[in-house]
Protein backbone atom coordinates (compact mmCIF):
# COMPACT_ATOMS: atom_id res chain seq x y z
CA ILE A 1 7.37 -16.03 16.70
CA ASP A 2 7.93 -16.05 13.14
CA ASN A 3 9.15 -12.49 12.20
CA LYS A 4 8.04 -11.20 15.22
CA VAL A 5 9.98 -9.58 17.89
CA ILE A 6 8.46 -8.22 21.41
CA LEU A 7 11.07 -6.67 23.48
CA ASN A 8 10.68 -5.88 27.69
CA GLU A 9 11.79 -2.19 26.30
CA THR A 10 13.09 -0.66 23.07
CA TYR A 11 14.00 2.64 20.96
CA PHE A 12 12.40 1.73 17.86
CA TYR A 13 9.55 4.05 17.42
CA PRO A 14 6.16 2.51 16.20
CA THR A 15 3.86 3.83 13.34
CA SER A 16 1.98 6.30 15.00
CA GLY A 17 0.85 9.77 15.53
CA GLY A 18 0.94 9.97 11.79
CA GLN A 19 4.90 9.05 12.13
CA LEU A 20 6.02 6.35 9.97
CA HIS A 21 8.03 3.49 11.83
CA ASP A 22 11.66 3.61 12.72
CA THR A 23 13.82 0.42 10.75
CA GLY A 24 17.17 -0.74 11.92
CA THR A 25 18.48 -4.31 13.42
CA ILE A 26 18.20 -6.43 16.13
CA ASN A 27 21.08 -8.68 16.88
CA GLU A 28 22.21 -7.87 13.17
CA GLU A 29 18.60 -9.12 12.63
CA LYS A 30 16.70 -6.68 9.99
CA VAL A 31 13.80 -4.63 11.40
CA ILE A 32 11.76 -3.90 8.27
CA ASP A 33 8.66 -2.83 10.17
CA VAL A 34 7.48 -1.74 14.05
CA PHE A 35 3.86 -1.18 15.32
CA LYS A 36 1.68 -0.99 18.02
CA GLN A 37 -0.69 -3.84 19.27
CA GLY A 38 -3.04 -2.81 21.94
CA ASN A 39 0.46 -1.35 24.51
CA ILE A 40 2.61 -3.75 23.21
CA ILE A 41 5.27 -2.47 20.81
CA VAL A 42 5.61 -5.72 18.15
CA HIS A 43 8.79 -5.34 15.68
CA VAL A 44 8.74 -7.06 12.16
CA LEU A 45 11.85 -8.69 10.88
CA TYR A 46 13.03 -9.02 7.68
CA LYS A 47 12.69 -13.24 8.06
CA ASN A 48 11.58 -15.80 10.80
CA THR A 49 14.10 -15.18 13.39
CA LYS A 50 16.86 -17.30 15.28
CA LEU A 51 16.59 -15.37 18.54
CA LYS A 52 15.21 -16.96 21.67
CA GLU A 53 12.84 -16.47 24.56
CA ASN A 54 14.66 -14.04 27.37
CA GLN A 55 17.74 -13.58 25.39
CA GLU A 56 19.30 -10.17 25.70
CA VAL A 57 19.87 -8.69 22.43
CA ASP A 58 21.75 -5.37 20.61
CA CYS A 59 19.30 -2.76 19.01
CA GLU A 60 20.53 -0.38 16.57
CA ILE A 61 18.07 2.28 14.63
CA ASP A 62 18.74 3.87 11.27
CA LEU A 63 19.36 7.14 12.41
CA ASP A 64 19.47 8.63 9.32
CA ARG A 65 16.07 7.60 8.54
CA ARG A 66 14.83 8.45 12.42
CA MET A 67 16.85 12.09 11.72
CA GLN A 68 14.76 12.89 8.66
CA LEU A 69 11.17 11.53 10.41
CA ALA A 70 12.00 13.99 13.01
CA LYS A 71 12.66 16.72 10.76
CA HIS A 72 9.73 16.36 9.34
CA HIS A 73 7.39 16.02 12.53
CA THR A 74 9.28 19.03 14.28
CA SER A 75 8.56 20.97 10.47
CA THR A 76 4.65 20.12 11.39
CA HIS A 77 4.66 21.91 14.32
CA ILE A 78 6.38 24.82 12.62
CA ILE A 79 4.63 25.22 9.84
CA ASN A 80 1.15 24.39 11.83
CA ALA A 81 2.49 27.86 13.57
CA ALA A 82 3.59 29.64 10.95
CA ALA A 83 -0.06 28.71 9.21
CA LYS A 84 -1.68 30.12 12.07
CA LYS A 85 0.35 33.46 12.05
CA VAL A 86 -0.53 34.18 8.35
CA LEU A 87 -4.19 32.81 8.14
CA GLY A 88 -5.85 33.46 11.81
CA ASN A 89 -6.22 31.62 15.09
CA HIS A 90 -9.08 29.58 13.73
CA ILE A 91 -6.35 27.51 11.88
CA ASN A 92 -6.12 23.99 13.93
CA GLN A 93 -4.42 20.54 12.94
CA ALA A 94 -6.68 17.96 12.04
CA GLY A 95 -4.03 15.09 10.98
CA ALA A 96 -0.62 14.74 9.73
CA LYS A 97 1.52 12.12 7.81
CA LYS A 98 5.25 12.23 8.16
CA ASP A 99 7.36 9.88 6.10
CA ILE A 100 10.37 10.08 4.53
CA ALA A 101 10.12 11.56 1.29
CA TYR A 102 7.77 14.06 2.61
CA ALA A 103 5.26 14.99 5.05
CA THR A 104 1.52 16.12 4.88
CA ILE A 105 -0.54 18.41 7.60
CA ASP A 106 -4.13 18.57 7.56
CA LEU A 107 -5.43 22.67 8.50
CA THR A 108 -8.78 23.79 9.63
CA HIS A 109 -9.96 26.71 6.79
CA TYR A 110 -12.56 27.75 5.09
CA GLN A 111 -11.51 28.16 2.01
CA SER A 112 -8.61 26.82 -0.18
CA ILE A 113 -4.92 28.23 0.42
CA THR A 114 -3.51 30.58 -2.30
CA ASP A 115 -0.15 30.28 -3.72
CA GLU A 116 0.50 34.22 -2.43
CA GLU A 117 -0.72 32.46 1.16
CA LEU A 118 1.60 28.97 0.82
CA GLN A 119 4.42 31.34 0.07
CA ALA A 120 3.86 33.57 3.36
CA ILE A 121 3.53 30.11 5.51
CA GLU A 122 7.00 29.06 4.28
CA LYS A 123 8.51 32.23 4.50
CA GLU A 124 7.53 32.51 8.33
CA ALA A 125 8.35 28.84 8.80
CA ASN A 126 11.82 28.95 7.61
CA LYS A 127 12.45 32.31 9.93
CA LEU A 128 11.29 30.05 12.73
CA VAL A 129 14.16 27.91 10.97
CA LYS A 130 16.78 30.36 11.38
CA GLU A 131 15.46 31.83 14.43
CA SER A 132 17.22 28.40 16.16
CA ILE A 133 14.63 28.07 19.27
CA ASN A 134 14.74 25.50 21.69
CA VAL A 135 12.41 22.20 21.43
CA LYS A 136 11.89 20.77 24.59
CA SER A 137 9.64 17.59 25.79
CA SER A 138 8.83 16.90 28.75
CA PHE A 139 6.19 14.34 30.49
CA LEU A 140 3.40 16.38 32.65
CA PRO A 141 0.38 14.82 34.35
CA ARG A 142 -3.05 16.04 31.59
CA THR A 143 -4.47 18.51 34.37
CA GLU A 144 -1.49 20.07 34.86
CA ALA A 145 -0.91 20.44 31.41
CA GLU A 146 -4.14 21.55 30.47
CA GLN A 147 -3.90 24.61 32.94
CA THR A 148 -1.10 25.94 31.72
CA TYR A 149 -1.15 25.16 28.23
CA GLY A 150 -4.89 25.18 27.53
CA MET A 151 -6.73 22.72 25.45
CA ASN A 152 -4.52 23.63 22.14
CA ILE A 153 -2.27 21.13 23.11
CA TYR A 154 -4.67 18.43 21.16
CA GLN A 155 -3.61 19.06 17.65
CA GLY A 156 -4.73 16.08 15.52
CA GLY A 157 -6.84 14.67 18.14
CA ALA A 158 -7.14 13.69 21.82
CA VAL A 159 -4.05 12.18 23.27
CA PRO A 160 -5.12 8.99 25.77
CA GLY A 161 -3.22 8.71 28.93
CA LYS A 162 -2.95 10.94 32.12
CA LEU A 163 0.69 11.67 31.66
CA LEU A 164 1.27 13.61 28.41
CA ARG A 165 4.39 14.33 26.78
CA ILE A 166 4.55 17.79 26.07
CA VAL A 167 6.77 18.92 22.82
CA ASN A 168 7.40 22.92 23.20
CA ILE A 169 8.81 24.90 20.76
CA ASP A 170 9.56 27.82 22.89
CA GLY A 171 7.27 30.64 22.21
CA VAL A 172 6.05 29.20 19.42
CA ASP A 173 4.05 26.33 19.14
CA VAL A 174 3.43 23.78 22.45
CA GLU A 175 1.23 20.09 21.38
CA ALA A 176 0.41 16.65 23.18
CA CYS A 177 2.78 14.65 20.89
CA GLY A 178 4.75 11.76 21.07
CA GLY A 179 6.65 11.50 18.23
CA THR A 180 10.22 11.96 17.80
CA HIS A 181 11.54 15.38 17.60
CA LEU A 182 14.62 17.57 16.66
CA ARG A 183 15.98 19.35 20.03
CA ASN A 184 16.25 23.07 17.90
CA THR A 185 14.25 24.42 15.19
CA SER A 186 18.10 24.94 12.85
CA GLU A 187 18.16 21.30 12.59
CA ALA A 188 15.40 20.99 10.02
CA GLY A 189 17.77 22.56 7.61
CA GLU A 190 14.87 23.88 5.14
CA ILE A 191 11.14 23.71 4.79
CA LYS A 192 9.56 23.65 1.53
CA ILE A 193 5.87 23.56 0.76
CA LEU A 194 5.14 21.69 -2.48
CA LYS A 195 1.39 22.44 -2.64
CA ALA A 196 -1.95 22.39 -1.10
CA THR A 197 -5.02 20.77 -1.42
CA LYS A 198 -8.59 20.75 -0.28
CA ILE A 199 -10.01 17.77 1.12
CA SER A 200 -13.01 18.44 2.38
CA ASP A 201 -15.13 21.23 3.88
CA GLY A 202 -13.42 23.66 6.07
CA ILE A 203 -10.14 21.00 5.66
CA VAL A 204 -6.97 21.70 3.49
CA ARG A 205 -4.02 19.59 2.98
CA VAL A 206 -0.38 20.75 2.74
CA TYR A 207 2.34 18.53 1.42
CA PHE A 208 6.06 19.90 2.02
CA THR A 209 9.78 18.20 2.90
CA ALA A 210 12.28 19.37 5.07
CA GLY A 211 15.91 18.82 5.39
CA GLU A 212 17.62 16.50 2.88
CA ALA A 213 14.28 16.03 1.45
CA ALA A 214 14.04 19.68 0.79
CA GLN A 215 16.95 19.35 -0.97
CA ARG A 216 16.08 17.11 -2.99
CA GLU A 217 12.93 18.47 -3.95
CA LYS A 218 14.71 21.20 -4.69
CA LYS A 219 17.31 19.56 -7.17
CA SER A 220 14.39 17.74 -8.94
CA GLU A 221 12.57 20.97 -9.75
CA MET A 222 15.65 22.23 -11.02
CA ASN A 223 16.48 19.05 -13.24
CA ILE A 224 12.42 19.85 -14.60
CA LEU A 225 13.70 23.80 -15.11
CA GLU A 226 16.95 23.12 -17.17
CA ASP A 227 15.09 20.53 -19.58
CA ALA A 228 11.78 22.68 -20.16
CA ALA A 229 14.84 25.34 -21.17
CA LYS A 230 16.43 22.78 -23.47
């Protein structure tokens, strides 16, 4: 319909779980947005489509964009685990957003996070990256997942459905999560925490980058320092 396309199956990731959608092409027609309408995934094209009903199509996602989003999503789980270790077991994820340039994670904490604590969380997060820990994804019935891993799998809110996708960073973090992820923590490259802001009573928002976005942030900081020095 107009510039909107529904496929019988897709590997385009729709905006959900705080993660931004994929982009790419369907039969070389540009996909600029992907969203869920109930159980249906709708692909939004740059302009009205020439595609016909029942036509078989070739799809291609922008892999660089997908990988950057995956780096930010897996890094969200890593930072959650690192914050727990630095600040205590009361830490839970209350929400998150994964964009291309940066990502945020909202943590349950009774006070503002100091600069020293942020540095300690960043150091612990990058230690987990350097340890090259496998990230495993599997589907489990809800009851089995809860009995095996406990109720802490629900970070950022309850997950619907009888079958849960469990993302397990071996010995570090286990969450019910439908997002796109890396296969190993080392693929995140480097995690850089930018700042933390208290957004409400008991909730602190941490801004961070990973992978190429972290490198760009470092370069930008160096340019600011050089300008200030001049």
